[in-house]
């Protein structure tokens, strides 16, 4: 039996306390009401609060669109790098890492400048309607474009790790020798071997979209994170309760992803 390292347990215990103590304090704040004692009214009022359903639905729609678009852009590009242009890999890595070094304030300032410049200079062109459409409050596609850029570093790392674990060239050549076209080889052979990487990339993108605040707030839209902030100005306990539930749902998704990933890596026994 392997010897247990006490320092490892000490680090794990410290990390557990670092995350669990603030969470426990938040839960106590939401259920301990002065004059009423312990009550769960803050949690039962979440669903009936104005704006909860619409903001959550908007965030989920934005997340689904962002996941679909960022995977549609990155998966073929990274597979193409593996197959025919490995020398371009450093350039792609630098481009995908750029959102990490650009402050969100500067990023959203650039987006705002472009959105203001477009209607003023393109009012007599068909592109004017495009600028109007991407800012539709019911589904602000401009947020999807911004989130795709912000998710690139995380999606690239997740997919790159998955591609390193499989021999893409051999899989594609084997599929081509069986009569499959390149799109068929990508869809039926490569993607099934990247299931874990795709799940990781999708989860990271979902977490980013659900928690992103700066870009949406400064552009004037109200997804879930902005709604939590606006509710917190008048109903602090309700805002904290929603944040706790969001954190628990995120942890549940992470655990589910870990279980699915572990099952996909478990070899079959004959």
Protein backbone atom coordinates (compact mmCIF):
# COMPACT_ATOMS: atom_id res chain seq x y z
CA UNK A 1 0.00 0.00 0.00
CA UNK A 2 1.37 3.39 -0.99
CA UNK A 3 2.46 5.60 1.86
CA UNK A 4 0.24 8.64 2.39
CA UNK A 5 2.02 11.97 2.17
CA UNK A 6 0.90 14.22 5.06
CA UNK A 7 1.82 17.36 3.09
CA UNK A 8 -0.53 16.30 0.30
CA UNK A 9 -3.41 15.93 2.75
CA UNK A 10 -2.52 19.27 4.34
CA UNK A 11 -2.65 21.02 0.95
CA UNK A 12 -5.95 19.32 0.09
CA UNK A 13 -7.41 20.26 3.46
CA UNK A 14 -6.29 23.87 3.07
CA UNK A 15 -7.78 24.05 -0.43
CA UNK A 16 -11.01 22.51 0.85
CA UNK A 17 -11.29 25.07 3.61
CA UNK A 18 -10.49 27.88 1.18
CA UNK A 19 -13.50 26.96 -0.96
CA UNK A 20 -15.91 25.54 1.62
CA UNK A 21 -15.69 28.23 4.31
CA UNK A 22 -16.90 31.10 2.04
CA UNK A 23 -19.59 28.81 0.64
CA UNK A 24 -20.78 27.86 4.12
CA UNK A 25 -20.80 31.52 5.15
CA UNK A 26 -22.89 32.36 2.07
CA UNK A 27 -25.38 29.61 2.89
CA UNK A 28 -25.68 30.81 6.49
CA UNK A 29 -26.26 34.37 5.25
CA UNK A 30 -29.12 33.23 3.02
CA UNK A 31 -30.95 31.06 5.57
CA UNK A 32 -30.36 32.97 8.83
CA UNK A 33 -32.83 35.88 8.79
CA UNK A 34 -32.80 38.20 11.82
CA UNK A 35 -36.10 37.93 13.66
CA UNK A 36 -37.20 34.84 11.73
CA UNK A 37 -34.49 32.34 12.47
CA UNK A 38 -33.59 29.72 9.88
CA UNK A 39 -35.72 30.03 6.73
CA UNK A 40 -35.32 29.01 3.09
CA UNK A 41 -37.47 31.81 1.68
CA UNK A 42 -34.53 33.19 -0.31
CA UNK A 43 -34.30 29.92 -2.25
CA UNK A 44 -38.02 29.45 -2.77
CA UNK A 45 -38.36 33.01 -4.11
CA UNK A 46 -35.74 32.53 -6.82
CA UNK A 47 -38.04 31.01 -9.42
CA UNK A 48 -40.78 33.61 -8.92
CA UNK A 49 -38.44 36.61 -9.04
CA UNK A 50 -38.92 38.84 -12.08
CA UNK A 51 -36.25 38.27 -14.70
CA UNK A 52 -34.89 34.97 -13.38
CA UNK A 53 -36.27 32.72 -16.09
CA UNK A 54 -35.63 35.08 -19.01
CA UNK A 55 -32.05 35.89 -17.97
CA UNK A 56 -31.17 32.25 -17.31
CA UNK A 57 -32.69 31.18 -20.63
CA UNK A 58 -30.77 33.91 -22.43
CA UNK A 59 -27.49 32.79 -20.86
CA UNK A 60 -28.15 29.16 -21.80
CA UNK A 61 -28.98 30.16 -25.39
CA UNK A 62 -25.82 32.26 -25.58
CA UNK A 63 -23.81 29.37 -24.15
CA UNK A 64 -25.22 26.88 -26.67
CA UNK A 65 -24.50 29.22 -29.59
CA UNK A 66 -21.01 30.00 -28.29
CA UNK A 67 -20.15 26.33 -27.82
CA UNK A 68 -21.37 25.44 -31.30
CA UNK A 69 -19.52 28.31 -32.98
CA UNK A 70 -16.22 27.97 -31.13
CA UNK A 71 -16.07 24.21 -31.74
CA UNK A 72 -17.00 24.71 -35.39
CA UNK A 73 -14.05 27.08 -35.72
CA UNK A 74 -11.41 25.34 -33.65
CA UNK A 75 -11.91 21.61 -34.30
CA UNK A 76 -11.37 21.70 -38.10
CA UNK A 77 -8.54 24.21 -37.68
CA UNK A 78 -6.64 22.12 -35.13
CA UNK A 79 -7.19 18.91 -37.09
CA UNK A 80 -5.90 20.64 -40.23
CA UNK A 81 -2.81 21.73 -38.29
CA UNK A 82 -2.17 18.14 -37.29
CA UNK A 83 -2.60 16.84 -40.82
CA UNK A 84 -1.02 19.40 -43.10
CA UNK A 85 0.40 22.50 -41.43
CA UNK A 86 2.26 21.63 -38.21
CA UNK A 87 4.60 24.61 -38.66
CA UNK A 88 1.67 26.98 -38.09
CA UNK A 89 0.95 25.54 -34.65
CA UNK A 90 3.01 28.17 -32.72
CA UNK A 91 1.20 30.96 -34.57
CA UNK A 92 -2.21 29.48 -33.77
CA UNK A 93 -1.23 29.04 -30.11
CA UNK A 94 -0.22 32.70 -29.86
CA UNK A 95 -3.44 33.88 -31.52
CA UNK A 96 -5.60 31.71 -29.25
CA UNK A 97 -3.74 32.95 -26.15
CA UNK A 98 -4.15 36.66 -26.97
CA UNK A 99 -7.55 37.01 -25.17
CA UNK A 100 -5.76 36.19 -21.91
CA UNK A 101 -3.54 39.27 -22.15
CA UNK A 102 -6.24 41.72 -23.30
CA UNK A 103 -8.17 43.21 -20.33
CA UNK A 104 -11.94 42.75 -20.60
CA UNK A 105 -12.44 46.51 -20.25
CA UNK A 106 -10.22 47.19 -23.26
CA UNK A 107 -11.91 44.37 -25.17
CA UNK A 108 -15.43 45.68 -24.59
CA UNK A 109 -14.28 49.24 -25.31
CA UNK A 110 -13.14 48.09 -28.74
CA UNK A 111 -16.46 46.33 -29.36
CA UNK A 112 -18.40 49.44 -28.33
CA UNK A 113 -16.32 51.60 -30.65
CA UNK A 114 -17.02 49.31 -33.61
CA UNK A 115 -20.75 49.13 -32.81
CA UNK A 116 -20.93 52.94 -32.66
CA UNK A 117 -18.85 53.42 -35.79
CA UNK A 118 -20.92 51.03 -37.91
CA UNK A 119 -24.34 52.77 -37.87
CA UNK A 120 -22.76 56.18 -38.39
CA UNK A 121 -20.75 55.24 -41.48
CA UNK A 122 -22.77 52.35 -42.91
CA UNK A 123 -26.31 53.71 -42.57
CA UNK A 124 -26.89 53.57 -46.34
CA UNK A 125 -25.45 50.09 -46.87
CA UNK A 126 -26.87 46.60 -46.23
CA UNK A 127 -24.35 46.17 -43.41
CA UNK A 128 -26.37 48.62 -41.31
CA UNK A 129 -29.03 45.97 -40.72
CA UNK A 130 -26.29 43.56 -39.66
CA UNK A 131 -25.11 45.94 -36.95
CA UNK A 132 -28.70 46.28 -35.77
CA UNK A 133 -29.37 42.53 -35.83
CA UNK A 134 -26.32 41.55 -33.78
CA UNK A 135 -27.49 43.90 -30.99
CA UNK A 136 -31.01 42.48 -30.75
CA UNK A 137 -31.82 42.39 -26.99
CA UNK A 138 -33.77 39.15 -27.38
CA UNK A 139 -30.61 37.41 -28.59
CA UNK A 140 -27.51 39.65 -28.71
CA UNK A 141 -25.31 37.78 -31.17
CA UNK A 142 -22.54 40.29 -30.48
CA UNK A 143 -22.14 38.62 -27.09
CA UNK A 144 -21.72 35.25 -28.80
CA UNK A 145 -18.90 36.69 -30.93
CA UNK A 146 -17.27 38.20 -27.86
CA UNK A 147 -17.59 34.97 -25.87
CA UNK A 148 -16.08 32.95 -28.71
CA UNK A 149 -12.97 35.12 -28.57
CA UNK A 150 -12.81 34.88 -24.76
CA UNK A 151 -13.23 31.09 -24.83
CA UNK A 152 -10.52 30.47 -27.43
CA UNK A 153 -7.63 29.94 -24.95
CA UNK A 154 -9.54 27.35 -22.91
CA UNK A 155 -11.06 25.54 -25.89
CA UNK A 156 -7.73 25.43 -27.69
CA UNK A 157 -5.94 23.89 -24.71
CA UNK A 158 -8.65 21.31 -24.13
CA UNK A 159 -8.79 20.24 -27.78
CA UNK A 160 -5.02 20.29 -28.20
CA UNK A 161 -4.64 17.95 -25.23
CA UNK A 162 -7.20 15.60 -26.75
CA UNK A 163 -5.52 15.64 -30.16
CA UNK A 164 -2.14 14.87 -28.60
CA UNK A 165 -3.62 11.68 -27.16
CA UNK A 166 -4.71 10.25 -30.53
CA UNK A 167 -2.94 9.65 -33.83
CA UNK A 168 -5.11 11.83 -36.04
CA UNK A 169 -3.14 11.20 -39.23
CA UNK A 170 -3.42 7.42 -38.92
CA UNK A 171 -7.14 7.60 -38.15
CA UNK A 172 -7.85 9.83 -41.14
CA UNK A 173 -5.72 7.73 -43.50
CA UNK A 174 -7.44 4.55 -42.33
CA UNK A 175 -10.86 6.11 -42.87
CA UNK A 176 -9.83 7.40 -46.30
CA UNK A 177 -8.58 3.95 -47.31
CA UNK A 178 -12.04 2.59 -46.46
CA UNK A 179 -13.67 5.05 -48.86
CA UNK A 180 -14.62 7.86 -46.48
CA UNK A 181 -14.25 11.49 -47.49
CA UNK A 182 -12.37 13.95 -45.30
CA UNK A 183 -15.58 15.36 -43.71
CA UNK A 184 -16.80 11.81 -43.04
CA UNK A 185 -13.45 10.88 -41.51
CA UNK A 186 -13.63 13.93 -39.26
CA UNK A 187 -17.22 13.32 -38.14
CA UNK A 188 -17.22 9.52 -37.83
CA UNK A 189 -13.64 8.73 -36.82
CA UNK A 190 -11.85 11.71 -35.30
CA UNK A 191 -14.65 13.32 -33.29
CA UNK A 192 -15.66 10.12 -31.41
CA UNK A 193 -12.05 9.86 -30.20
CA UNK A 194 -12.20 13.46 -28.98
CA UNK A 195 -15.32 13.05 -26.84
CA UNK A 196 -13.54 13.85 -23.59
CA UNK A 197 -11.80 16.90 -25.06
CA UNK A 198 -15.05 18.16 -26.57
CA UNK A 199 -16.81 17.76 -23.21
CA UNK A 200 -14.01 19.66 -21.46
CA UNK A 201 -14.12 22.48 -24.00
CA UNK A 202 -17.92 22.68 -23.82
CA UNK A 203 -17.95 22.77 -20.03
CA UNK A 204 -15.30 25.49 -19.85
CA UNK A 205 -17.22 27.57 -22.37
CA UNK A 206 -20.49 27.05 -20.50
CA UNK A 207 -18.89 28.14 -17.22
CA UNK A 208 -17.40 31.22 -18.90
CA UNK A 209 -20.70 32.32 -20.45
CA UNK A 210 -22.74 31.76 -17.28
CA UNK A 211 -20.27 33.71 -15.17
CA UNK A 212 -19.26 36.50 -17.55
CA UNK A 213 -20.35 39.95 -16.35
CA UNK A 214 -18.14 42.75 -17.65
CA UNK A 215 -18.82 42.54 -21.39
CA UNK A 216 -22.58 42.01 -21.03
CA UNK A 217 -22.97 44.78 -18.45
CA UNK A 218 -21.02 47.39 -20.38
CA UNK A 219 -22.83 46.56 -23.63
CA UNK A 220 -26.20 46.95 -21.90
CA UNK A 221 -27.52 43.37 -21.98
CA UNK A 222 -28.94 41.34 -19.09
CA UNK A 223 -27.91 37.69 -19.05
CA UNK A 224 -27.85 35.65 -15.85
CA UNK A 225 -24.71 37.12 -14.27
CA UNK A 226 -25.90 40.69 -14.83
CA UNK A 227 -29.33 39.79 -13.42
CA UNK A 228 -27.71 38.45 -10.24
CA UNK A 229 -25.84 41.74 -9.85
CA UNK A 230 -28.98 43.82 -10.40
CA UNK A 231 -30.97 41.76 -7.89
CA UNK A 232 -28.19 42.08 -5.34
CA UNK A 233 -28.67 45.84 -5.22
CA UNK A 234 -32.10 45.45 -3.63
CA UNK A 235 -32.27 41.84 -2.40
CA UNK A 236 -28.89 40.78 -1.07
CA UNK A 237 -30.00 37.43 0.35
CA UNK A 238 -31.73 36.45 -2.88
CA UNK A 239 -28.65 37.38 -4.91
CA UNK A 240 -26.37 35.28 -2.71
CA UNK A 241 -28.84 32.38 -2.83
CA UNK A 242 -28.80 32.44 -6.63
CA UNK A 243 -25.00 32.56 -6.62
CA UNK A 244 -24.83 29.55 -4.29
CA UNK A 245 -27.19 27.56 -6.49
CA UNK A 246 -25.20 28.52 -9.58
CA UNK A 247 -21.99 27.38 -7.93
CA UNK A 248 -23.54 24.06 -6.88
CA UNK A 249 -24.87 23.46 -10.39
CA UNK A 250 -21.42 24.21 -11.80
CA UNK A 251 -19.83 21.72 -9.42
CA UNK A 252 -22.44 19.12 -10.36
CA UNK A 253 -21.62 19.62 -14.04
CA UNK A 254 -17.91 19.29 -13.29
CA UNK A 255 -18.43 16.04 -11.36
CA UNK A 256 -20.64 14.68 -14.13
CA UNK A 257 -17.97 15.56 -16.67
CA UNK A 258 -15.32 13.82 -14.58
CA UNK A 259 -17.47 10.69 -14.35
CA UNK A 260 -18.16 10.67 -18.10
CA UNK A 261 -14.51 11.26 -18.89
CA UNK A 262 -13.45 8.48 -16.53
CA UNK A 263 -15.88 6.04 -18.14
CA UNK A 264 -14.69 6.92 -21.62
CA UNK A 265 -11.09 6.18 -20.62
CA UNK A 266 -11.90 2.89 -18.89
CA UNK A 267 -10.69 0.04 -21.12
CA UNK A 268 -13.11 -2.75 -21.88
CA UNK A 269 -12.33 -6.09 -20.27
CA UNK A 270 -12.70 -9.22 -22.27
